[in-house]
N, C-alpha and C. Protein backbone atom coordinates (compact mmCIF):
# COMPACT_ATOMS: atom_id res chain seq x y z
N UNK A 1 8.00 7.12 10.00
CA UNK A 1 7.86 8.04 8.90
C UNK A 1 7.23 9.33 9.40
N UNK A 2 7.84 10.44 9.06
CA UNK A 2 7.37 11.72 9.56
C UNK A 2 6.72 12.57 8.49
N UNK A 3 7.01 12.34 7.24
CA UNK A 3 6.46 13.16 6.17
C UNK A 3 6.07 12.29 5.00
N UNK A 4 5.28 12.88 4.11
CA UNK A 4 4.86 12.16 2.91
C UNK A 4 6.09 11.72 2.12
N UNK A 5 6.07 10.48 1.67
CA UNK A 5 7.21 9.98 0.90
C UNK A 5 6.71 9.23 -0.30
N UNK A 6 7.02 9.76 -1.47
CA UNK A 6 6.70 9.11 -2.74
C UNK A 6 7.65 7.93 -2.94
N UNK A 7 7.14 6.88 -3.55
CA UNK A 7 7.94 5.70 -3.84
C UNK A 7 8.00 5.46 -5.33
N UNK A 8 9.09 4.84 -5.76
CA UNK A 8 9.16 4.38 -7.14
C UNK A 8 8.42 3.04 -7.24
N UNK A 9 8.17 2.61 -8.45
CA UNK A 9 7.54 1.30 -8.66
C UNK A 9 8.41 0.22 -8.03
N UNK A 10 9.70 0.26 -8.26
CA UNK A 10 10.60 -0.77 -7.70
C UNK A 10 10.60 -0.75 -6.18
N UNK A 11 10.60 0.43 -5.57
CA UNK A 11 10.56 0.51 -4.11
C UNK A 11 9.26 -0.10 -3.57
N UNK A 12 8.15 0.24 -4.21
CA UNK A 12 6.85 -0.29 -3.77
C UNK A 12 6.81 -1.81 -3.87
N UNK A 13 7.27 -2.34 -4.98
CA UNK A 13 7.28 -3.80 -5.16
C UNK A 13 8.18 -4.47 -4.13
N UNK A 14 9.29 -3.82 -3.78
CA UNK A 14 10.22 -4.40 -2.81
C UNK A 14 9.61 -4.53 -1.42
N UNK A 15 8.53 -3.80 -1.15
CA UNK A 15 7.89 -3.85 0.17
C UNK A 15 6.90 -5.00 0.31
N UNK A 16 6.52 -5.63 -0.79
CA UNK A 16 5.49 -6.67 -0.75
C UNK A 16 6.00 -7.94 -0.08
N UNK A 17 5.12 -8.63 0.63
CA UNK A 17 5.50 -9.92 1.23
C UNK A 17 5.83 -10.94 0.14
N UNK A 18 6.66 -11.88 0.47
CA UNK A 18 7.10 -12.91 -0.48
C UNK A 18 6.13 -14.10 -0.43
N UNK A 19 4.94 -13.90 -0.99
CA UNK A 19 3.96 -14.99 -1.10
C UNK A 19 2.95 -14.63 -2.18
N UNK A 20 2.09 -15.58 -2.52
CA UNK A 20 1.17 -15.39 -3.64
C UNK A 20 -0.02 -14.50 -3.34
N UNK A 21 -0.42 -14.37 -2.08
CA UNK A 21 -1.57 -13.55 -1.72
C UNK A 21 -1.12 -12.44 -0.77
N UNK A 22 -1.67 -11.24 -0.97
CA UNK A 22 -1.30 -10.07 -0.18
C UNK A 22 -2.58 -9.44 0.36
N UNK A 23 -2.57 -9.05 1.64
CA UNK A 23 -3.76 -8.45 2.25
C UNK A 23 -3.81 -6.96 1.94
N UNK A 24 -5.00 -6.47 1.66
CA UNK A 24 -5.21 -5.07 1.30
C UNK A 24 -6.41 -4.53 2.07
N UNK A 25 -6.27 -3.31 2.60
CA UNK A 25 -7.38 -2.60 3.21
C UNK A 25 -7.83 -1.49 2.27
N UNK A 26 -9.13 -1.27 2.23
CA UNK A 26 -9.70 -0.08 1.59
C UNK A 26 -10.66 0.54 2.59
N UNK A 27 -10.83 1.84 2.48
CA UNK A 27 -11.80 2.54 3.32
C UNK A 27 -13.15 2.42 2.63
N UNK A 28 -14.13 1.89 3.32
CA UNK A 28 -15.44 1.65 2.71
C UNK A 28 -16.19 2.94 2.38
N UNK A 29 -15.65 4.07 2.81
CA UNK A 29 -16.34 5.33 2.60
C UNK A 29 -17.27 5.65 3.76
N UNK A 30 -17.39 4.73 4.70
CA UNK A 30 -18.24 4.93 5.87
C UNK A 30 -17.39 4.83 7.13
N UNK A 31 -16.13 5.29 7.03
CA UNK A 31 -15.18 5.27 8.14
C UNK A 31 -14.95 3.87 8.69
N UNK A 32 -14.94 2.90 7.82
CA UNK A 32 -14.65 1.52 8.21
C UNK A 32 -13.70 0.92 7.19
N UNK A 33 -12.67 0.25 7.68
CA UNK A 33 -11.75 -0.44 6.78
C UNK A 33 -12.31 -1.81 6.43
N UNK A 34 -12.16 -2.18 5.17
CA UNK A 34 -12.56 -3.49 4.71
C UNK A 34 -11.30 -4.14 4.14
N UNK A 35 -11.01 -5.35 4.57
CA UNK A 35 -9.81 -6.03 4.12
C UNK A 35 -10.12 -7.26 3.30
N UNK A 36 -9.22 -7.56 2.37
CA UNK A 36 -9.35 -8.75 1.55
C UNK A 36 -7.98 -9.12 1.01
N UNK A 37 -7.83 -10.39 0.68
CA UNK A 37 -6.60 -10.87 0.06
C UNK A 37 -6.69 -10.69 -1.45
N UNK A 38 -5.56 -10.27 -2.03
CA UNK A 38 -5.45 -10.10 -3.47
C UNK A 38 -4.22 -10.88 -3.94
N UNK A 39 -4.23 -11.29 -5.18
CA UNK A 39 -3.06 -12.00 -5.69
C UNK A 39 -1.90 -11.01 -5.80
N UNK A 40 -0.70 -11.52 -5.58
CA UNK A 40 0.50 -10.71 -5.70
C UNK A 40 0.56 -10.08 -7.10
N UNK A 41 0.21 -10.87 -8.09
CA UNK A 41 0.24 -10.39 -9.48
C UNK A 41 -0.68 -9.18 -9.66
N UNK A 42 -1.89 -9.23 -9.10
CA UNK A 42 -2.82 -8.11 -9.27
C UNK A 42 -2.33 -6.86 -8.55
N UNK A 43 -1.67 -7.03 -7.41
CA UNK A 43 -1.14 -5.87 -6.68
C UNK A 43 0.02 -5.25 -7.46
N UNK A 44 0.87 -6.07 -8.03
CA UNK A 44 1.97 -5.53 -8.85
C UNK A 44 1.41 -4.75 -10.03
N UNK A 45 0.34 -5.24 -10.64
CA UNK A 45 -0.30 -4.51 -11.75
C UNK A 45 -0.84 -3.17 -11.26
N UNK A 46 -1.47 -3.15 -10.07
CA UNK A 46 -1.99 -1.89 -9.51
C UNK A 46 -0.84 -0.91 -9.24
N UNK A 47 0.29 -1.43 -8.76
CA UNK A 47 1.45 -0.59 -8.51
C UNK A 47 1.95 0.03 -9.81
N UNK A 48 2.08 -0.77 -10.84
CA UNK A 48 2.59 -0.28 -12.12
C UNK A 48 1.66 0.73 -12.78
N UNK A 49 0.36 0.59 -12.54
CA UNK A 49 -0.64 1.49 -13.15
C UNK A 49 -0.99 2.69 -12.28
N UNK A 50 -0.42 2.80 -11.09
CA UNK A 50 -0.81 3.82 -10.13
C UNK A 50 -0.40 5.22 -10.56
N UNK A 51 -1.19 6.18 -10.11
CA UNK A 51 -0.83 7.58 -10.30
C UNK A 51 0.25 7.98 -9.30
N UNK A 52 0.15 7.43 -8.08
CA UNK A 52 1.11 7.74 -7.03
C UNK A 52 1.25 6.54 -6.09
N UNK A 53 2.45 6.38 -5.58
CA UNK A 53 2.76 5.34 -4.59
C UNK A 53 3.42 6.05 -3.42
N UNK A 54 2.93 5.78 -2.21
CA UNK A 54 3.47 6.46 -1.04
C UNK A 54 3.58 5.51 0.13
N UNK A 55 4.49 5.85 1.05
CA UNK A 55 4.48 5.17 2.34
C UNK A 55 3.24 5.64 3.07
N UNK A 56 2.57 4.71 3.72
CA UNK A 56 1.37 5.06 4.48
C UNK A 56 1.72 5.84 5.73
N UNK A 57 0.70 6.27 6.43
CA UNK A 57 0.89 7.00 7.67
C UNK A 57 1.19 6.05 8.82
N UNK A 58 1.37 6.62 9.99
CA UNK A 58 1.74 5.84 11.17
C UNK A 58 0.73 4.74 11.47
N UNK A 59 -0.56 5.02 11.30
CA UNK A 59 -1.57 4.02 11.62
C UNK A 59 -1.51 2.83 10.67
N UNK A 60 -1.43 3.09 9.36
CA UNK A 60 -1.39 1.96 8.42
C UNK A 60 -0.10 1.17 8.56
N UNK A 61 0.99 1.86 8.84
CA UNK A 61 2.27 1.17 9.04
C UNK A 61 2.18 0.28 10.28
N UNK A 62 1.58 0.80 11.36
CA UNK A 62 1.47 0.00 12.58
C UNK A 62 0.56 -1.22 12.37
N UNK A 63 -0.31 -1.16 11.38
CA UNK A 63 -1.20 -2.28 11.06
C UNK A 63 -0.57 -3.23 10.04
N UNK A 64 0.70 -2.94 9.66
CA UNK A 64 1.40 -3.81 8.72
C UNK A 64 1.02 -3.58 7.27
N UNK A 65 0.41 -2.44 6.97
CA UNK A 65 -0.03 -2.10 5.61
C UNK A 65 0.55 -0.74 5.22
N UNK A 66 1.87 -0.71 5.06
CA UNK A 66 2.60 0.54 4.90
C UNK A 66 2.71 1.09 3.51
N UNK A 67 2.08 0.46 2.53
CA UNK A 67 2.12 0.95 1.15
C UNK A 67 0.75 1.49 0.77
N UNK A 68 0.71 2.74 0.34
CA UNK A 68 -0.54 3.35 -0.13
C UNK A 68 -0.46 3.49 -1.64
N UNK A 69 -1.44 2.90 -2.31
CA UNK A 69 -1.53 3.00 -3.77
C UNK A 69 -2.66 3.96 -4.11
N UNK A 70 -2.32 4.98 -4.89
CA UNK A 70 -3.29 5.95 -5.37
C UNK A 70 -3.53 5.64 -6.85
N UNK A 71 -4.63 4.98 -7.18
CA UNK A 71 -4.90 4.66 -8.58
C UNK A 71 -5.10 5.94 -9.40
N UNK A 72 -4.90 5.83 -10.71
CA UNK A 72 -5.16 6.98 -11.58
C UNK A 72 -6.60 7.42 -11.41
N UNK A 73 -6.79 8.72 -11.28
CA UNK A 73 -8.13 9.27 -11.16
C UNK A 73 -8.73 9.19 -9.77
N UNK A 74 -7.97 8.72 -8.79
CA UNK A 74 -8.50 8.62 -7.41
C UNK A 74 -8.90 10.00 -6.91
N UNK A 75 -10.12 10.07 -6.37
CA UNK A 75 -10.63 11.35 -5.86
C UNK A 75 -10.94 11.28 -4.37
N UNK A 76 -11.20 10.08 -3.88
CA UNK A 76 -11.66 9.92 -2.51
C UNK A 76 -10.75 8.97 -1.75
N UNK A 77 -10.76 9.08 -0.44
CA UNK A 77 -10.00 8.17 0.42
C UNK A 77 -10.39 6.72 0.11
N UNK A 78 -11.64 6.50 -0.23
CA UNK A 78 -12.11 5.13 -0.50
C UNK A 78 -11.54 4.56 -1.79
N UNK A 79 -10.87 5.38 -2.60
CA UNK A 79 -10.25 4.90 -3.84
C UNK A 79 -8.86 4.32 -3.60
N UNK A 80 -8.29 4.54 -2.42
CA UNK A 80 -6.92 4.15 -2.14
C UNK A 80 -6.83 2.71 -1.65
N UNK A 81 -5.68 2.10 -1.91
CA UNK A 81 -5.39 0.75 -1.41
C UNK A 81 -4.26 0.86 -0.40
N UNK A 82 -4.45 0.25 0.76
CA UNK A 82 -3.41 0.18 1.78
C UNK A 82 -2.95 -1.26 1.83
N UNK A 83 -1.74 -1.50 1.34
CA UNK A 83 -1.26 -2.84 1.04
C UNK A 83 -0.32 -3.35 2.13
N UNK A 84 -0.51 -4.62 2.46
CA UNK A 84 0.36 -5.30 3.43
C UNK A 84 1.81 -5.20 2.98
N UNK A 85 2.68 -4.95 3.93
CA UNK A 85 4.11 -4.81 3.63
C UNK A 85 4.94 -5.72 4.52
N UNK A 86 6.10 -6.06 4.01
CA UNK A 86 7.08 -6.83 4.77
C UNK A 86 7.78 -5.86 5.73
N UNK A 87 7.71 -6.14 7.02
CA UNK A 87 8.23 -5.22 8.04
C UNK A 87 9.72 -4.93 7.86
N UNK A 88 10.51 -5.95 7.61
CA UNK A 88 11.95 -5.75 7.45
C UNK A 88 12.25 -4.87 6.24
N UNK A 89 11.56 -5.11 5.14
CA UNK A 89 11.77 -4.30 3.93
C UNK A 89 11.36 -2.85 4.17
N UNK A 90 10.25 -2.66 4.89
CA UNK A 90 9.78 -1.31 5.19
C UNK A 90 10.76 -0.60 6.12
N UNK A 91 11.25 -1.29 7.14
CA UNK A 91 12.22 -0.68 8.06
C UNK A 91 13.48 -0.25 7.32
N UNK A 92 13.91 -1.07 6.36
CA UNK A 92 15.11 -0.74 5.58
C UNK A 92 14.89 0.51 4.72
N UNK A 93 13.70 0.59 4.12
CA UNK A 93 13.39 1.70 3.23
C UNK A 93 13.12 2.98 4.00
N UNK A 94 12.50 2.88 5.15
CA UNK A 94 12.07 4.05 5.92
C UNK A 94 13.01 4.30 7.10
N UNK A 95 14.28 4.51 6.80
CA UNK A 95 15.29 4.74 7.85
C UNK A 95 15.12 6.11 8.45
């Protein structure tokens, strides 16, 4: 991916792994990533409620977390969610 790319809700959902739990990174605000598993259902809710959905940058994609969720009202990097993605689905979408 070379430039910012907005995603639709359906595109974002199509990138999620096919299992009940999905790994998510957030920036702790102290230049450290913190990761945790979230239910697939809760991530889909975050996607549907998001202000913006984007493909992540090269670093997050290389870490297998190529979906960036910008919640409504997000002001800081620490407000964003970097969500685990299915590599094949991401490769298909990001031709």
